[in-house]
């Protein structure tokens, strides 16, 4: 195989999506709205939405046209584009506690940039994490990551204030606490409040990894939805609606640390991603995107709960929040059977975290998702 591991995006492997490769769509040729077409020409309703990178729907016309104009304007050049400053100012207005912004291309590198900024600002090395923050060395314990790097990070459980307190009271002064505000359920208000209070007391930097939650549960993400303002905010995915762009932002004083270290990428300021982001901000400002995602997500969530009641031998519950949810299975093998059966009925439904709604998911399409999923559940139960 010319691509080790089947694909360069690990979460798009058939084993990750469906548990196996038999009888499921493997590669796609195009996507539009909330549908995708595989290389055999088959059409599928989709709730994976590019792993949450698309909140407005695939190929959103306004975003696509803005990106096309930026491509016609040359994409990239020797000088920073005017658009960089314009989008930075608009992001600062949209995100709580943000006065200054640096752009990158992926969520993984943007969170890594936030950690480096925190380390420069505090003069400390150790970090505390909660959630998934990408594949780079600073937050992974996989083969190839040196033990010395692993030792600089402590991981704590979601909604576990005692564990966070213990980590901050440990022998190593903490530079940053990096939190995904939503993991397998909504955060307890006391958890986020404790994270804010404990981090401040410890002199550490509180980082919200809002890669999935910004431009989904609110334009300003969890900070807006739950009323807790972090020191640094990292956004991506929905910001570009499928085009690669991410950003880290915070106060001017804190973000100034980015000028005292080296955070730079040749394509951080290419214009296609910036044009897409500017248009995404326009759409969120002029259309009821957040309200639609909440409504469509609630319809999906309620339907999944009904399916759990009807098929208790297969479904153990619904996890996440309405805008980004998934089914908890009695056994992983059963979940894999169900999502493969769903694919056979024209639905791409992720077997674990997460499934997402988009602006393109109408009430009828959410109902169709649930119908196809119920057919798949029924076929597994009667096997």
Protein backbone atom coordinates (compact mmCIF):
# COMPACT_ATOMS: atom_id res chain seq x y z
CA UNK A 1 0.00 0.00 0.00
CA UNK A 2 1.37 3.43 -0.95
CA UNK A 3 -0.28 5.08 2.11
CA UNK A 4 0.77 3.29 5.32
CA UNK A 5 -2.25 2.66 7.51
CA UNK A 6 -4.66 3.18 4.56
CA UNK A 7 -5.00 6.99 4.89
CA UNK A 8 -3.10 9.99 6.22
CA UNK A 9 -6.00 10.91 8.54
CA UNK A 10 -6.11 8.14 11.13
CA UNK A 11 -9.72 8.72 12.18
CA UNK A 12 -10.86 8.12 8.59
CA UNK A 13 -9.53 4.56 8.48
CA UNK A 14 -12.34 2.03 7.94
CA UNK A 15 -11.41 0.41 11.26
CA UNK A 16 -11.85 3.74 13.04
CA UNK A 17 -15.16 4.62 11.40
CA UNK A 18 -16.77 1.22 11.00
CA UNK A 19 -14.66 -1.30 12.92
CA UNK A 20 -13.82 -3.18 9.71
CA UNK A 21 -13.51 -2.59 5.97
CA UNK A 22 -16.04 -5.13 4.69
CA UNK A 23 -19.06 -3.74 2.86
CA UNK A 24 -18.49 -0.09 3.78
CA UNK A 25 -17.52 3.01 1.78
CA UNK A 26 -13.74 3.30 1.75
CA UNK A 27 -12.93 6.35 -0.34
CA UNK A 28 -15.05 9.30 -1.49
CA UNK A 29 -15.12 11.39 -4.63
CA UNK A 30 -17.18 14.37 -3.48
CA UNK A 31 -19.32 15.84 -0.73
CA UNK A 32 -22.09 18.43 -0.66
CA UNK A 33 -24.46 19.57 2.07
CA UNK A 34 -24.72 16.61 4.42
CA UNK A 35 -24.10 13.95 1.79
CA UNK A 36 -21.03 12.19 0.40
CA UNK A 37 -20.47 9.97 -2.63
CA UNK A 38 -18.03 7.08 -2.61
CA UNK A 39 -15.78 5.88 -5.41
CA UNK A 40 -18.51 3.50 -6.59
CA UNK A 41 -20.96 6.35 -7.05
CA UNK A 42 -23.09 5.52 -4.00
CA UNK A 43 -24.69 8.37 -2.06
CA UNK A 44 -24.73 8.54 1.74
CA UNK A 45 -26.22 10.79 4.38
CA UNK A 46 -23.38 11.80 6.68
CA UNK A 47 -23.13 12.67 10.36
CA UNK A 48 -19.34 12.54 10.62
CA UNK A 49 -19.03 15.91 8.85
CA UNK A 50 -15.29 15.62 8.27
CA UNK A 51 -14.69 14.82 11.96
CA UNK A 52 -16.52 17.99 12.95
CA UNK A 53 -14.62 20.27 10.59
CA UNK A 54 -17.78 21.28 8.71
CA UNK A 55 -20.61 23.10 10.51
CA UNK A 56 -22.23 24.85 7.53
CA UNK A 57 -22.39 21.80 5.27
CA UNK A 58 -19.97 20.53 2.65
CA UNK A 59 -19.33 22.90 -0.24
CA UNK A 60 -21.21 25.81 1.30
CA UNK A 61 -21.66 28.15 -1.70
CA UNK A 62 -20.58 31.39 0.00
CA UNK A 63 -17.51 29.81 1.56
CA UNK A 64 -16.55 28.02 -1.64
CA UNK A 65 -16.85 31.20 -3.71
CA UNK A 66 -14.73 33.16 -1.22
CA UNK A 67 -12.07 30.46 -1.36
CA UNK A 68 -12.21 30.43 -5.15
CA UNK A 69 -11.68 34.22 -5.26
CA UNK A 70 -8.68 33.86 -2.94
CA UNK A 71 -7.29 31.13 -5.19
CA UNK A 72 -7.70 33.42 -8.21
CA UNK A 73 -5.88 36.15 -6.27
CA UNK A 74 -2.83 33.93 -6.01
CA UNK A 75 -3.34 32.03 -2.72
CA UNK A 76 -0.08 33.10 -1.11
CA UNK A 77 2.77 35.56 -1.58
CA UNK A 78 5.87 37.11 -0.02
CA UNK A 79 3.98 39.53 2.25
CA UNK A 80 1.31 38.96 4.90
CA UNK A 81 -2.13 39.58 3.40
CA UNK A 82 -4.47 42.37 4.48
CA UNK A 83 -7.02 39.63 5.18
CA UNK A 84 -4.89 38.26 8.04
CA UNK A 85 -5.35 41.39 10.12
CA UNK A 86 -9.03 41.67 9.24
CA UNK A 87 -9.85 38.11 10.27
CA UNK A 88 -7.75 38.44 13.44
CA UNK A 89 -9.74 41.52 14.47
CA UNK A 90 -13.04 39.75 13.82
CA UNK A 91 -11.95 36.69 15.78
CA UNK A 92 -10.93 38.91 18.68
CA UNK A 93 -14.42 40.39 18.65
CA UNK A 94 -16.04 36.94 18.56
CA UNK A 95 -13.99 35.12 21.23
CA UNK A 96 -14.11 36.00 24.90
CA UNK A 97 -10.85 37.17 26.42
CA UNK A 98 -9.13 37.41 23.03
CA UNK A 99 -7.35 40.61 22.01
CA UNK A 100 -4.64 39.20 19.74
CA UNK A 101 -4.44 36.17 17.44
CA UNK A 102 -1.89 34.00 15.67
CA UNK A 103 -2.94 31.79 12.73
CA UNK A 104 -1.85 28.26 11.92
CA UNK A 105 -3.20 25.52 9.67
CA UNK A 106 -4.23 22.68 12.01
CA UNK A 107 -5.69 22.31 15.47
CA UNK A 108 -2.78 20.18 16.61
CA UNK A 109 -0.19 22.87 15.85
CA UNK A 110 -2.40 25.64 17.22
CA UNK A 111 -2.72 23.92 20.61
CA UNK A 112 1.02 23.25 20.57
CA UNK A 113 1.55 26.96 19.92
CA UNK A 114 -0.66 27.80 22.91
CA UNK A 115 1.45 25.56 25.13
CA UNK A 116 4.67 27.16 23.90
CA UNK A 117 3.25 30.63 24.53
CA UNK A 118 2.28 29.56 28.06
CA UNK A 119 5.75 28.16 28.70
CA UNK A 120 7.43 31.36 27.55
CA UNK A 121 5.00 33.51 29.54
CA UNK A 122 5.40 31.55 32.80
CA UNK A 123 8.98 30.32 32.47
CA UNK A 124 7.71 26.83 33.39
CA UNK A 125 7.70 23.54 31.49
CA UNK A 126 5.05 21.21 32.93
CA UNK A 127 1.53 21.03 31.46
CA UNK A 128 -1.73 19.46 32.62
CA UNK A 129 -4.15 18.19 30.00
CA UNK A 130 -7.73 16.96 29.78
CA UNK A 131 -8.99 15.62 26.47
CA UNK A 132 -7.49 15.07 23.02
CA UNK A 133 -5.19 17.78 21.69
CA UNK A 134 -3.64 16.31 18.57
CA UNK A 135 -0.80 14.05 17.57
CA UNK A 136 2.30 16.11 18.40
CA UNK A 137 4.88 14.97 20.94
CA UNK A 138 3.99 17.34 23.80
CA UNK A 139 0.58 15.67 24.38
CA UNK A 140 1.13 12.07 23.32
CA UNK A 141 2.53 8.96 24.99
CA UNK A 142 2.81 6.83 21.86
CA UNK A 143 5.91 5.06 20.52
CA UNK A 144 8.40 7.58 19.21
CA UNK A 145 7.76 10.16 21.94
CA UNK A 146 10.79 10.39 24.28
CA UNK A 147 10.16 9.64 27.93
CA UNK A 148 11.63 13.01 28.86
CA UNK A 149 8.86 14.69 26.84
CA UNK A 150 6.15 12.47 28.33
CA UNK A 151 7.31 13.41 31.82
CA UNK A 152 6.41 17.05 31.18
CA UNK A 153 2.67 16.32 31.05
CA UNK A 154 0.06 15.16 33.56
CA UNK A 155 -3.34 14.05 32.31
CA UNK A 156 -6.47 14.45 34.43
CA UNK A 157 -9.98 13.16 34.01
CA UNK A 158 -12.86 15.22 32.67
CA UNK A 159 -14.97 16.94 35.34
CA UNK A 160 -12.48 15.79 37.99
CA UNK A 161 -11.67 18.83 40.10
CA UNK A 162 -9.80 16.83 42.73
CA UNK A 163 -7.42 15.40 40.13
CA UNK A 164 -6.80 18.85 38.70
CA UNK A 165 -6.10 20.25 42.17
CA UNK A 166 -3.64 17.43 42.85
CA UNK A 167 -1.87 17.98 39.52
CA UNK A 168 -1.47 21.69 40.22
CA UNK A 169 -0.21 20.94 43.73
CA UNK A 170 2.42 18.54 42.38
CA UNK A 171 6.18 19.00 42.60
CA UNK A 172 6.52 20.61 39.16
CA UNK A 173 5.21 24.17 38.65
CA UNK A 174 2.62 24.11 35.87
CA UNK A 175 2.84 26.33 32.80
CA UNK A 176 -0.57 25.51 31.30
CA UNK A 177 -3.77 23.63 31.94
CA UNK A 178 -5.20 22.60 28.56
CA UNK A 179 -8.83 21.48 28.58
CA UNK A 180 -11.31 20.26 26.05
CA UNK A 181 -14.46 21.83 27.53
CA UNK A 182 -16.70 19.02 26.21
CA UNK A 183 -15.61 15.39 26.17
CA UNK A 184 -18.18 12.62 26.64
CA UNK A 185 -20.77 14.95 28.20
CA UNK A 186 -21.31 18.59 29.05
CA UNK A 187 -18.97 20.01 31.69
CA UNK A 188 -20.15 20.47 35.25
CA UNK A 189 -20.24 24.23 35.92
CA UNK A 190 -18.21 23.61 39.06
CA UNK A 191 -15.52 21.85 36.99
CA UNK A 192 -14.92 24.77 34.67
CA UNK A 193 -15.12 27.24 37.55
CA UNK A 194 -12.58 25.19 39.48
CA UNK A 195 -10.30 25.02 36.45
CA UNK A 196 -10.42 28.82 36.17
CA UNK A 197 -9.86 29.39 39.88
CA UNK A 198 -7.19 26.74 40.48
CA UNK A 199 -5.21 27.73 37.40
CA UNK A 200 -5.21 31.38 38.40
CA UNK A 201 -4.10 30.53 41.93
CA UNK A 202 -1.26 28.41 40.58
CA UNK A 203 -0.04 31.15 38.24
CA UNK A 204 -0.62 28.87 35.25
CA UNK A 205 -2.28 29.64 31.91
CA UNK A 206 -5.74 28.19 31.29
CA UNK A 207 -6.12 27.06 27.68
CA UNK A 208 -9.47 26.06 26.20
CA UNK A 209 -9.03 23.71 23.26
CA UNK A 210 -12.16 24.78 21.37
CA UNK A 211 -11.25 23.04 18.13
CA UNK A 212 -14.55 21.12 18.13
CA UNK A 213 -16.74 23.41 20.24
CA UNK A 214 -16.15 26.87 18.74
CA UNK A 215 -18.47 27.61 15.81
CA UNK A 216 -20.68 24.78 16.96
CA UNK A 217 -22.14 25.10 20.47
CA UNK A 218 -21.72 28.87 20.17
CA UNK A 219 -19.72 31.14 17.88
CA UNK A 220 -17.37 31.70 20.80
CA UNK A 221 -17.47 28.07 21.86
CA UNK A 222 -17.63 26.81 25.43
CA UNK A 223 -16.29 30.06 26.85
CA UNK A 224 -19.40 31.79 25.52
CA UNK A 225 -21.80 28.94 26.23
CA UNK A 226 -20.69 28.30 29.81
CA UNK A 227 -19.44 31.75 30.82
CA UNK A 228 -15.85 30.87 31.74
CA UNK A 229 -13.10 32.94 30.13
CA UNK A 230 -9.78 31.13 29.58
CA UNK A 231 -6.40 32.82 29.16
CA UNK A 232 -5.82 31.31 25.72
CA UNK A 233 -8.39 29.98 23.26
CA UNK A 234 -7.61 27.65 20.37
CA UNK A 235 -10.05 27.36 17.47
CA UNK A 236 -10.06 25.45 14.20
CA UNK A 237 -12.24 22.94 12.34
CA UNK A 238 -15.53 24.88 11.98
CA UNK A 239 -13.67 28.17 11.54
CA UNK A 240 -12.75 27.15 7.99
CA UNK A 241 -15.74 24.88 7.22
CA UNK A 242 -13.39 22.34 5.72
CA UNK A 243 -10.57 24.65 4.65
CA UNK A 244 -7.41 24.29 6.75
CA UNK A 245 -7.08 27.11 9.27
CA UNK A 246 -6.67 27.33 13.03
CA UNK A 247 -5.84 30.08 15.49
CA UNK A 248 -4.70 30.72 19.03
CA UNK A 249 -5.72 33.91 20.82
CA UNK A 250 -5.60 35.64 24.19
CA UNK A 251 -4.77 38.94 25.80
CA UNK A 252 -2.19 41.16 24.10
CA UNK A 253 0.20 40.74 27.01
CA UNK A 254 0.01 36.96 26.94
CA UNK A 255 0.11 36.66 23.16
CA UNK A 256 3.21 38.86 23.08
CA UNK A 257 5.10 35.76 24.22
CA UNK A 258 4.69 34.48 20.65
CA UNK A 259 7.20 37.14 19.59
CA UNK A 260 9.77 35.92 22.13
CA UNK A 261 9.91 32.38 20.75
CA UNK A 262 9.51 30.87 17.27
CA UNK A 263 6.01 30.05 16.04
CA UNK A 264 5.84 30.29 12.25
CA UNK A 265 4.62 28.42 9.20
CA UNK A 266 4.98 29.26 5.51
CA UNK A 267 1.29 28.69 4.82
CA UNK A 268 -0.12 30.11 8.05
CA UNK A 269 -1.06 33.23 6.07
CA UNK A 270 -2.25 31.73 2.78
CA UNK A 271 -5.41 33.50 1.70
CA UNK A 272 -7.79 30.62 0.92
CA UNK A 273 -8.17 29.54 4.54
CA UNK A 274 -8.42 33.16 5.70
CA UNK A 275 -11.08 33.92 3.09
CA UNK A 276 -13.04 30.84 4.16
CA UNK A 277 -12.80 31.91 7.81
CA UNK A 278 -13.96 35.45 7.02
CA UNK A 279 -17.01 34.06 5.23
CA UNK A 280 -17.76 31.58 8.00
CA UNK A 281 -17.80 34.53 10.41
CA UNK A 282 -20.18 36.33 8.03
CA UNK A 283 -22.54 33.36 7.90
CA UNK A 284 -22.57 32.99 11.67
CA UNK A 285 -23.30 36.71 11.99
CA UNK A 286 -26.16 36.77 9.47
CA UNK A 287 -27.79 33.36 9.80
CA UNK A 288 -29.09 31.45 12.83
CA UNK A 289 -26.38 28.80 12.61
CA UNK A 290 -25.93 28.20 16.34
CA UNK A 291 -29.69 27.93 16.87
CA UNK A 292 -30.03 25.52 13.94
CA UNK A 293 -27.22 23.30 15.20
CA UNK A 294 -28.83 23.22 18.65
CA UNK A 295 -32.25 22.35 17.22
CA UNK A 296 -31.03 19.73 14.75
CA UNK A 297 -28.70 18.32 17.37
CA UNK A 298 -31.55 18.04 19.88
CA UNK A 299 -33.67 16.19 17.31
CA UNK A 300 -30.81 13.78 16.67
CA UNK A 301 -30.11 13.33 20.39
CA UNK A 302 -33.76 12.69 21.25
CA UNK A 303 -34.01 10.19 18.42
CA UNK A 304 -30.90 8.37 19.58
CA UNK A 305 -32.33 8.17 23.09
CA UNK A 306 -35.53 6.64 21.69
CA UNK A 307 -33.47 4.09 19.81
CA UNK A 308 -31.63 3.27 23.02
CA UNK A 309 -34.95 2.51 24.71
CA UNK A 310 -36.07 0.32 21.80
CA UNK A 311 -32.78 -1.56 21.49
CA UNK A 312 -31.38 -1.82 25.03
CA UNK A 313 -29.45 -5.00 24.21
CA UNK A 314 -27.30 -3.01 21.79
CA UNK A 315 -27.34 0.63 22.97
CA UNK A 316 -26.16 1.59 26.46
CA UNK A 317 -26.88 5.31 26.11
CA UNK A 318 -26.11 8.55 24.32
CA UNK A 319 -22.93 10.51 25.09
CA UNK A 320 -21.64 13.99 24.34
CA UNK A 321 -23.99 16.93 23.80
CA UNK A 322 -26.67 17.36 21.11
CA UNK A 323 -24.40 19.21 18.67
CA UNK A 324 -21.70 16.49 18.94
CA UNK A 325 -22.90 13.13 20.17
CA UNK A 326 -22.44 9.40 19.82
CA UNK A 327 -23.90 6.11 20.98
CA UNK A 328 -22.45 4.09 23.81
CA UNK A 329 -22.68 0.42 22.85
CA UNK A 330 -23.18 -2.61 25.07
CA UNK A 331 -20.23 -4.13 23.23
CA UNK A 332 -17.91 -2.51 20.70
CA UNK A 333 -18.47 -5.36 18.27
CA UNK A 334 -22.20 -4.65 18.25
CA UNK A 335 -21.55 -0.99 17.50
CA UNK A 336 -19.34 -1.94 14.58
CA UNK A 337 -22.08 -4.21 13.22
CA UNK A 338 -24.65 -1.42 13.47
CA UNK A 339 -22.62 1.25 11.69
CA UNK A 340 -21.66 -1.18 8.92
CA UNK A 341 -25.32 -2.06 8.50
CA UNK A 342 -26.14 1.66 8.43
CA UNK A 343 -23.57 2.19 5.67
CA UNK A 344 -25.37 -0.48 3.67
CA UNK A 345 -28.51 1.63 4.03
CA UNK A 346 -26.84 4.85 2.86
CA UNK A 347 -25.73 6.38 6.16
CA UNK A 348 -22.21 7.18 7.35
CA UNK A 349 -22.54 7.21 11.15
CA UNK A 350 -19.45 7.13 13.35
CA UNK A 351 -19.38 4.30 15.86
CA UNK A 352 -17.73 6.41 18.59
CA UNK A 353 -17.02 10.08 19.31
CA UNK A 354 -18.45 12.04 17.52
CA UNK A 355 -21.40 12.50 15.17
CA UNK A 356 -22.19 16.10 14.17
CA UNK A 357 -25.10 17.98 12.68
CA UNK A 358 -24.61 20.90 10.31
CA UNK A 359 -26.57 23.79 8.86
CA UNK A 360 -27.28 21.47 5.93
CA UNK A 361 -29.09 18.92 8.11
CA UNK A 362 -32.80 19.68 7.75
CA UNK A 363 -35.44 18.14 10.01
CA UNK A 364 -36.23 15.67 7.22
CA UNK A 365 -32.62 14.62 6.89
CA UNK A 366 -32.21 14.13 10.63
CA UNK A 367 -35.34 11.97 10.54
CA UNK A 368 -33.83 9.99 7.65
CA UNK A 369 -30.62 9.49 9.64
CA UNK A 370 -32.63 8.04 12.52
CA UNK A 371 -34.73 5.86 10.23
CA UNK A 372 -31.68 4.32 8.57
CA UNK A 373 -29.98 3.85 11.91
CA UNK A 374 -33.07 2.11 13.30
CA UNK A 375 -33.15 -0.22 10.30
CA UNK A 376 -29.51 -1.04 10.98
CA UNK A 377 -30.19 -1.69 14.67
CA UNK A 378 -33.12 -3.93 13.80
CA UNK A 379 -31.00 -5.95 11.40
CA UNK A 380 -28.37 -6.55 14.09
CA UNK A 381 -30.88 -7.51 16.78
CA UNK A 382 -32.58 -10.03 14.51
CA UNK A 383 -29.33 -11.62 13.33
